[in-house]
C-alpha atoms as a PDB file:
ATOM      1  CA  MET A   1     -77.282  33.490 -59.472  1.00  0.00           C
ATOM      2  CA  GLY A   2     -80.225  35.297 -59.481  1.00  0.00           C
ATOM      3  CA  LEU A   3     -83.136  36.393 -61.943  1.00  0.00           C
ATOM      4  CA  ARG A   4     -83.452  39.426 -64.689  1.00  0.00           C
ATOM      5  CA  ASN A   5     -83.746  42.086 -62.439  1.00  0.00           C
ATOM      6  CA  ARG A   6     -83.382  40.260 -59.161  1.00  0.00           C
ATOM      7  CA  PRO A   7     -79.627  40.382 -58.551  1.00  0.00           C
ATOM      8  CA  ALA A   8     -78.013  37.447 -55.845  1.00  0.00           C
ATOM      9  CA  TYR A   9     -74.474  36.327 -55.428  1.00  0.00           C
ATOM     10  CA  ARG A  10     -72.469  33.819 -54.228  1.00  0.00           C
ATOM     11  CA  LEU A  11     -68.999  34.575 -51.772  1.00  0.00           C
ATOM     12  CA  VAL A  12     -66.781  31.903 -53.726  1.00  0.00           C
ATOM     13  CA  VAL A  13     -63.248  30.665 -52.832  1.00  0.00           C
ATOM     14  CA  ILE A  14     -61.541  31.022 -56.142  1.00  0.00           C
ATOM     15  CA  ASP A  15     -58.039  30.294 -57.497  1.00  0.00           C
ATOM     16  CA  SER A  16     -56.450  33.474 -59.257  1.00  0.00           C
ATOM     17  CA  ARG A  17     -55.742  32.012 -62.149  1.00  0.00           C
ATOM     18  CA  LYS A  18     -59.281  30.856 -63.331  1.00  0.00           C
ATOM     19  CA  ALA A  19     -61.776  32.760 -64.783  1.00  0.00           C
ATOM     20  CA  ARG A  20     -63.798  34.574 -63.029  1.00  0.00           C
ATOM     21  CA  ASP A  21     -67.293  33.360 -63.586  1.00  0.00           C
ATOM     22  CA  GLY A  22     -65.281  29.734 -63.405  1.00  0.00           C
ATOM     23  CA  GLU A  23     -65.073  26.672 -61.443  1.00  0.00           C
ATOM     24  CA  TYR A  24     -64.528  27.682 -57.872  1.00  0.00           C
ATOM     25  CA  LEU A  25     -62.902  25.818 -54.768  1.00  0.00           C
ATOM     26  CA  GLU A  26     -65.716  26.430 -52.209  1.00  0.00           C
ATOM     27  CA  SER A  27     -68.763  28.781 -51.722  1.00  0.00           C
ATOM     28  CA  VAL A  28     -68.435  30.219 -47.995  1.00  0.00           C
ATOM     29  CA  GLY A  29     -71.644  32.639 -48.328  1.00  0.00           C
ATOM     30  CA  HIS A  30     -74.770  34.109 -50.651  1.00  0.00           C
ATOM     31  CA  TYR A  31     -75.979  38.191 -50.407  1.00  0.00           C
ATOM     32  CA  ASP A  32     -79.030  39.500 -51.774  1.00  0.00           C
ATOM     33  CA  PRO A  33     -78.903  43.072 -52.720  1.00  0.00           C
ATOM     34  CA  ARG A  34     -82.361  43.515 -52.817  1.00  0.00           C
ATOM     35  CA  THR A  35     -83.070  42.161 -48.930  1.00  0.00           C
ATOM     36  CA  LYS A  36     -79.469  43.058 -47.835  1.00  0.00           C
ATOM     37  CA  PHE A  37     -79.862  39.161 -46.353  1.00  0.00           C
ATOM     38  CA  LEU A  38     -76.313  38.249 -46.094  1.00  0.00           C
ATOM     39  CA  GLU A  39     -75.241  34.687 -45.045  1.00  0.00           C
ATOM     40  CA  LEU A  40     -71.969  33.596 -44.686  1.00  0.00           C
ATOM     41  CA  ASP A  41     -69.352  31.108 -43.116  1.00  0.00           C
ATOM     42  CA  ALA A  42     -66.750  32.934 -41.095  1.00  0.00           C
ATOM     43  CA  GLU A  43     -64.968  29.662 -40.074  1.00  0.00           C
ATOM     44  CA  ARG A  44     -64.459  28.547 -43.755  1.00  0.00           C
ATOM     45  CA  ILE A  45     -63.614  32.319 -44.610  1.00  0.00           C
ATOM     46  CA  GLY A  46     -61.282  32.135 -41.861  1.00  0.00           C
ATOM     47  CA  HIS A  47     -59.601  29.111 -42.761  1.00  0.00           C
ATOM     48  CA  TRP A  48     -58.920  30.388 -46.173  1.00  0.00           C
ATOM     49  CA  ILE A  49     -57.651  33.757 -44.878  1.00  0.00           C
ATOM     50  CA  THR A  50     -55.231  32.099 -42.912  1.00  0.00           C
ATOM     51  CA  LYS A  51     -53.747  29.559 -46.148  1.00  0.00           C
ATOM     52  CA  GLY A  52     -53.209  32.621 -47.701  1.00  0.00           C
ATOM     53  CA  ALA A  53     -56.548  33.671 -49.490  1.00  0.00           C
ATOM     54  CA  GLN A  54     -57.608  37.506 -50.123  1.00  0.00           C
ATOM     55  CA  THR A  55     -60.297  38.653 -50.173  1.00  0.00           C
ATOM     56  CA  SER A  56     -61.919  41.998 -52.345  1.00  0.00           C
ATOM     57  CA  GLY A  57     -63.034  45.056 -51.280  1.00  0.00           C
ATOM     58  CA  THR A  58     -66.639  44.459 -51.343  1.00  0.00           C
ATOM     59  CA  VAL A  59     -66.398  41.160 -49.685  1.00  0.00           C
ATOM     60  CA  GLY A  60     -64.326  42.752 -47.173  1.00  0.00           C
ATOM     61  CA  ARG A  61     -67.124  45.415 -46.671  1.00  0.00           C
ATOM     62  CA  LEU A  62     -69.603  42.707 -46.265  1.00  0.00           C
ATOM     63  CA  MET A  63     -67.848  40.665 -43.705  1.00  0.00           C
ATOM     64  CA  SER A  64     -67.660  43.727 -41.501  1.00  0.00           C
ATOM     65  CA  ARG A  65     -71.174  44.576 -42.352  1.00  0.00           C
ATOM     66  CA  TYR A  66     -71.767  40.768 -41.226  1.00  0.00           C
ATOM     67  CA  ALA A  67     -69.819  41.405 -38.178  1.00  0.00           C
ATOM     68  CA  ARG A  68     -71.780  44.085 -36.749  1.00  0.00           C
ATOM     69  CA  GLN A  69     -74.843  42.316 -37.285  1.00  0.00           C
ATOM     70  CA  HIS A  70     -73.985  39.410 -35.186  1.00  0.00           C
ATOM     71  CA  ALA A  71     -71.840  40.891 -32.856  1.00  0.00           C
ATOM     72  CA  PRO A  72     -75.112  41.906 -30.618  1.00  0.00           C
ATOM     73  CA  ALA A  73     -76.588  38.373 -31.053  1.00  0.00           C
ATOM     74  CA  ALA A  74     -73.464  36.627 -29.625  1.00  0.00           C
ATOM     75  CA  GLU A  75     -73.197  38.620 -26.589  1.00  0.00           C
ATOM     76  CA  ALA A  76     -77.192  38.441 -25.650  1.00  0.00           C
ATOM     77  CA  ALA A  77     -76.236  34.896 -26.164  1.00  0.00           C
ATOM     78  CA  ASN A  78     -73.523  35.039 -23.161  1.00  0.00           C
ATOM     79  CA  GLY A  79     -75.004  37.346 -21.332  1.00  0.00           C
ATOM     80  CA  ASP A  80     -72.198  39.712 -21.484  1.00  0.00           C
ATOM     81  CA  SER A  81     -74.192  42.532 -22.186  1.00  0.00           C
ATOM     82  CA  ALA A  82     -76.448  42.878 -18.982  1.00  0.00           C
ATOM     83  CA  GLU A  83     -72.608  43.299 -17.166  1.00  0.00           C
ATOM     84  CA  THR A  84     -71.052  45.922 -20.027  1.00  0.00           C
ATOM     85  CA  ALA A  85     -73.743  48.017 -19.283  1.00  0.00           C
ATOM     86  CA  THR A  86     -73.591  47.870 -15.568  1.00  0.00           C
ATOM     87  CA  VAL A  87     -70.217  48.456 -15.675  1.00  0.00           C
ATOM     88  CA  ALA A  88     -69.881  51.335 -18.476  1.00  0.00           C
ATOM     89  CA  THR A  89     -72.475  53.408 -15.959  1.00  0.00           C
ATOM     90  CA  GLU A  90     -70.537  52.963 -13.094  1.00  0.00           C
ATOM     91  CA  PRO A  91     -68.231  56.578 -12.633  1.00  0.00           C
ATOM     92  CA  VAL A  92     -64.490  56.170 -13.030  1.00  0.00           C
ATOM     93  CA  PRO A  93     -62.614  58.323  -9.984  1.00  0.00           C
ATOM     94  CA  THR A  94     -60.203  60.547 -11.863  1.00  0.00           C
ATOM     95  CA  PRO A  95     -57.041  62.163  -9.637  1.00  0.00           C
ATOM     96  CA  GLU A  96     -59.330  65.601  -9.473  1.00  0.00           C
ATOM     97  CA  SER A  97     -61.797  63.547  -7.736  1.00  0.00           C
ATOM     98  CA  ALA A  98     -59.898  61.811  -5.443  1.00  0.00           C
ATOM     99  CA  THR A  99     -60.021  62.573  -1.985  1.00  0.00           C
ATOM    100  CA  PRO A 100     -56.613  63.060   0.128  1.00  0.00           C
ATOM    101  CA  THR A 101     -57.412  59.444   2.271  1.00  0.00           C
ATOM    102  CA  ASP A 102     -57.129  58.084  -2.082  1.00  0.00           C
ATOM    103  CA  THR A 103     -53.957  59.160  -2.470  1.00  0.00           C
ATOM    104  CA  PRO A 104     -51.030  56.568  -1.870  1.00  0.00           C
ATOM    105  CA  LYS A 105     -48.336  58.035   0.803  1.00  0.00           C
ATOM    106  CA  GLU A 106     -45.370  58.219  -0.940  1.00  0.00           C
END
């Protein structure tokens, strides 16, 4: 995939007994390193990992990048980001700041 001086890569599931550039079982994404565009089918990747597939180091790094890019979007879609921000800014009482009336009686 790609053209001269314009690389592009497919992320594929392939049997370890096959040639690297041989027939693959399934295409699960693609990556353009020039624009940093990354598209993964996370559901299918998870499916193959549960079946025993192993990711290469490069694919593992791409998956972690994909997770970081799409984590804030998932929170915004759920509406959790506003609630999380409010909870995080509230002070948490510590034993040093507790008053004698707050301590349990033994």
